[in-house]
Protein backbone atom coordinates (compact mmCIF):
# COMPACT_ATOMS: atom_id res chain seq x y z
CA MET A 1 105.59 50.21 135.55
CA ASP A 2 105.63 52.09 132.25
CA TYR A 3 104.26 55.60 131.66
CA LYS A 4 100.86 54.39 130.41
CA GLN A 5 100.37 52.33 133.59
CA TYR A 6 101.49 55.31 135.69
CA GLU A 7 99.06 57.60 133.86
CA GLU A 8 96.16 55.22 134.57
CA LEU A 9 97.24 54.96 138.22
CA CYS A 10 97.31 58.78 138.49
CA LYS A 11 93.80 59.04 137.07
CA LEU A 12 92.55 56.39 139.50
CA GLU A 13 94.26 58.00 142.53
CA SER A 14 93.02 61.42 141.41
CA LYS A 15 89.41 60.31 141.70
CA ARG A 16 90.01 58.42 144.93
CA HIS A 17 91.76 61.29 146.75
CA GLY A 18 90.04 64.30 145.18
CA TRP A 19 93.17 65.77 143.60
CA GLY A 20 92.99 69.28 142.29
CA ILE A 21 90.81 70.60 145.12
CA ILE A 22 93.04 70.08 148.16
CA LEU A 23 94.09 73.56 149.24
CA ILE A 24 94.62 73.35 153.00
CA ALA A 25 96.73 76.54 153.31
CA ARG A 26 94.18 78.56 151.32
CA ASN A 27 94.30 81.70 153.47
CA GLN A 28 98.09 81.76 153.51
CA LEU A 29 98.28 81.41 149.71
CA ARG A 30 95.58 84.04 149.21
CA ASN A 31 97.43 86.53 151.43
CA TYR A 32 100.68 86.06 149.48
CA ILE A 33 98.89 86.39 146.12
CA LEU A 34 97.09 89.58 147.18
CA ASN A 35 100.18 91.13 148.79
CA PHE A 36 102.62 90.11 146.06
CA LYS A 37 100.34 90.72 143.03
CA PRO A 38 102.19 88.46 140.59
CA ARG A 39 102.07 89.03 136.83
CA ARG A 40 102.80 85.38 135.89
CA LEU A 41 102.03 82.32 138.00
CA LEU A 42 103.03 78.73 137.33
CA ASP A 43 101.12 75.87 138.97
CA ILE A 44 103.17 72.66 138.96
CA GLY A 45 100.85 69.67 139.22
CA CYS A 46 97.90 71.69 137.93
CA HIS A 47 95.54 68.70 137.52
CA ASN A 48 92.34 70.28 136.12
CA ARG A 49 93.58 73.83 136.71
CA HIS A 50 91.23 74.54 139.64
CA LEU A 51 93.95 76.45 141.51
CA GLU A 52 94.53 78.74 138.54
CA LYS A 53 90.81 79.59 138.47
CA THR A 54 90.84 80.29 142.21
CA VAL A 55 93.91 82.54 141.94
CA LYS A 56 92.25 84.49 139.10
CA GLU A 57 89.22 85.06 141.35
CA TRP A 58 91.53 86.59 143.96
CA PHE A 59 93.68 88.53 141.50
CA PRO A 60 92.26 88.63 137.92
CA GLU A 61 95.29 90.38 136.41
CA VAL A 62 97.59 87.38 136.84
CA GLU A 63 98.52 85.28 133.80
CA THR A 64 98.48 81.60 134.79
CA PHE A 65 100.30 78.58 133.40
CA GLY A 66 99.85 74.97 134.49
CA VAL A 67 102.01 71.89 134.03
CA ASP A 68 101.28 68.26 134.83
CA VAL A 69 102.47 64.82 133.72
CA VAL A 70 98.95 63.64 132.92
CA VAL A 71 96.18 65.27 130.91
CA TYR A 72 93.02 65.00 133.00
CA ASP A 73 89.75 66.66 131.91
CA VAL A 74 91.41 70.05 131.34
CA LYS A 75 94.64 70.25 129.35
CA PRO A 76 97.66 71.82 131.06
CA THR A 77 99.74 74.52 129.38
CA CYS A 78 102.47 71.92 129.06
CA VAL A 79 102.86 68.23 129.85
CA CYS A 80 106.03 67.83 131.96
CA ASP A 81 106.99 66.71 135.46
CA GLY A 82 108.61 69.87 136.79
CA ALA A 83 112.15 68.49 136.73
CA LEU A 84 112.74 70.14 133.34
CA LEU A 85 110.50 73.17 132.82
CA PRO A 86 110.19 74.47 129.24
CA PHE A 87 110.20 78.15 130.22
CA LYS A 88 112.78 80.91 130.04
CA SER A 89 114.83 81.75 133.11
CA ASN A 90 113.38 84.47 135.35
CA PHE A 91 109.97 84.16 133.65
CA PHE A 92 107.57 83.72 136.62
CA ASP A 93 106.77 85.89 139.63
CA PHE A 94 105.03 83.13 141.57
CA ILE A 95 105.06 79.31 141.50
CA THR A 96 102.75 76.94 143.37
CA ILE A 97 103.37 73.27 144.06
CA ILE A 98 100.23 72.10 145.87
CA GLU A 99 100.18 68.45 146.97
CA THR A 100 102.54 67.57 144.12
CA LEU A 101 106.18 67.58 145.24
CA GLU A 102 105.86 64.10 146.78
CA HIS A 103 104.73 62.81 143.36
CA ILE A 104 107.77 64.06 141.41
CA PRO A 105 110.51 61.41 141.17
CA ASP A 106 113.33 63.99 140.95
CA TYR A 107 111.90 66.68 143.21
CA VAL A 108 115.35 68.22 143.80
CA SER A 109 115.63 69.00 140.07
CA CYS A 110 112.11 70.39 140.21
CA LEU A 111 113.09 72.79 143.01
CA ARG A 112 116.20 73.83 141.05
CA GLU A 113 114.03 74.46 137.99
CA CYS A 114 111.66 76.56 140.11
CA TYR A 115 114.64 78.62 141.21
CA ARG A 116 115.75 79.03 137.60
CA VAL A 117 112.38 80.14 136.19
CA LEU A 118 111.51 82.44 139.11
CA ARG A 119 112.54 86.05 138.79
CA LYS A 120 114.53 87.72 141.57
CA ASP A 121 112.36 88.07 144.70
CA GLY A 122 109.79 85.67 143.18
CA ILE A 123 107.73 83.43 145.46
CA LEU A 124 107.51 79.62 145.58
CA PHE A 125 104.53 78.33 147.58
CA ILE A 126 104.63 74.63 148.51
CA GLN A 127 101.91 72.61 150.24
CA SER A 128 102.44 68.91 150.92
CA VAL A 129 101.40 66.11 153.21
CA SER A 130 103.85 65.87 156.10
CA CYS A 131 105.90 62.76 156.78
CA LEU A 132 104.11 62.75 160.15
CA SER A 133 100.90 61.69 158.39
CA ARG A 134 100.33 58.07 157.42
CA HIS A 135 98.84 59.42 154.15
CA ALA A 136 102.38 60.39 153.12
CA PHE A 137 103.44 56.77 152.74
CA GLU A 138 100.24 54.70 152.76
CA GLY A 139 97.37 54.53 150.34
CA ASP A 140 98.69 56.53 147.38
CA GLU A 141 101.01 54.56 145.14
CA THR A 142 101.95 57.67 143.17
CA HIS A 143 103.93 59.10 146.12
CA PHE A 144 107.68 58.80 145.50
CA HIS A 145 108.80 60.69 148.62
CA VAL A 146 107.92 61.31 152.22
CA LEU A 147 108.76 64.93 153.00
CA HIS A 148 109.74 66.55 156.27
CA PRO A 149 109.28 70.34 156.32
CA ASN A 150 112.57 71.04 158.12
CA CYS A 151 114.59 68.89 155.72
CA LEU A 152 112.82 70.46 152.73
CA GLU A 153 113.57 73.94 154.06
CA ARG A 154 117.29 73.08 154.42
CA LEU A 155 117.35 71.75 150.85
CA CYS A 156 115.63 74.88 149.54
CA ARG A 157 118.13 77.11 151.36
CA LEU A 158 120.96 75.10 149.78
CA ILE A 159 119.42 75.77 146.35
CA GLY A 160 119.30 79.50 147.14
CA PHE A 161 115.78 80.15 148.47
CA LYS A 162 114.97 82.09 151.61
CA CYS A 163 112.11 80.75 153.75
CA LEU A 164 109.59 83.50 154.51
CA GLU A 165 107.06 81.35 156.35
CA LYS A 166 106.18 77.76 157.07
CA GLY A 167 103.44 76.10 159.04
CA MET A 168 101.47 72.93 159.64
CA ILE A 169 97.71 72.49 159.31
CA ASN A 170 96.28 69.04 160.11
CA LEU A 171 99.53 67.20 159.20
CA THR A 172 99.80 69.14 155.95
CA PHE A 173 102.62 71.65 155.77
CA TYR A 174 103.04 74.75 153.71
CA MET A 175 106.17 76.72 152.99
CA VAL A 176 106.66 80.11 151.39
CA LEU A 177 110.07 80.60 149.78
CA GLN A 178 111.61 83.57 148.01
CA LYS A 179 114.36 83.65 145.41
């Protein structure tokens, strides 16, 4: 499959699954945003930038950036897949990866890039479908990985993150990591 075919598949799956509006761990993310008060937030897999709008409702002072591999109805700040972020090191205070990590072919490089562009004590908030859910491996052809929260936490610790919190809501897990 070439990129053009993948782009069309993403647009089709986006409509079918309601991408861009799936925020299961909403209260947890809101609490971290309000307590941490980030200056700059990066949303990896921003789709139509709904999350950025929501975050600005909670904390209007934050400057938001969004990246995605596909341009949907709203253009991202940058078109990229997260494995090579075009930002300076230590640039962001907060990064979100909501229902996206399983779509990134080289998600380990993406996590390393998150570590690089986060400032010291910055927060990485991940939400993803758990490997315990059939939706992780059935029905969405744009999924490259099936993620287990414990394995992901070990990988993130190896990269240098510290896990502040993790949980499971309806077979969707969230994880809050700090650099």
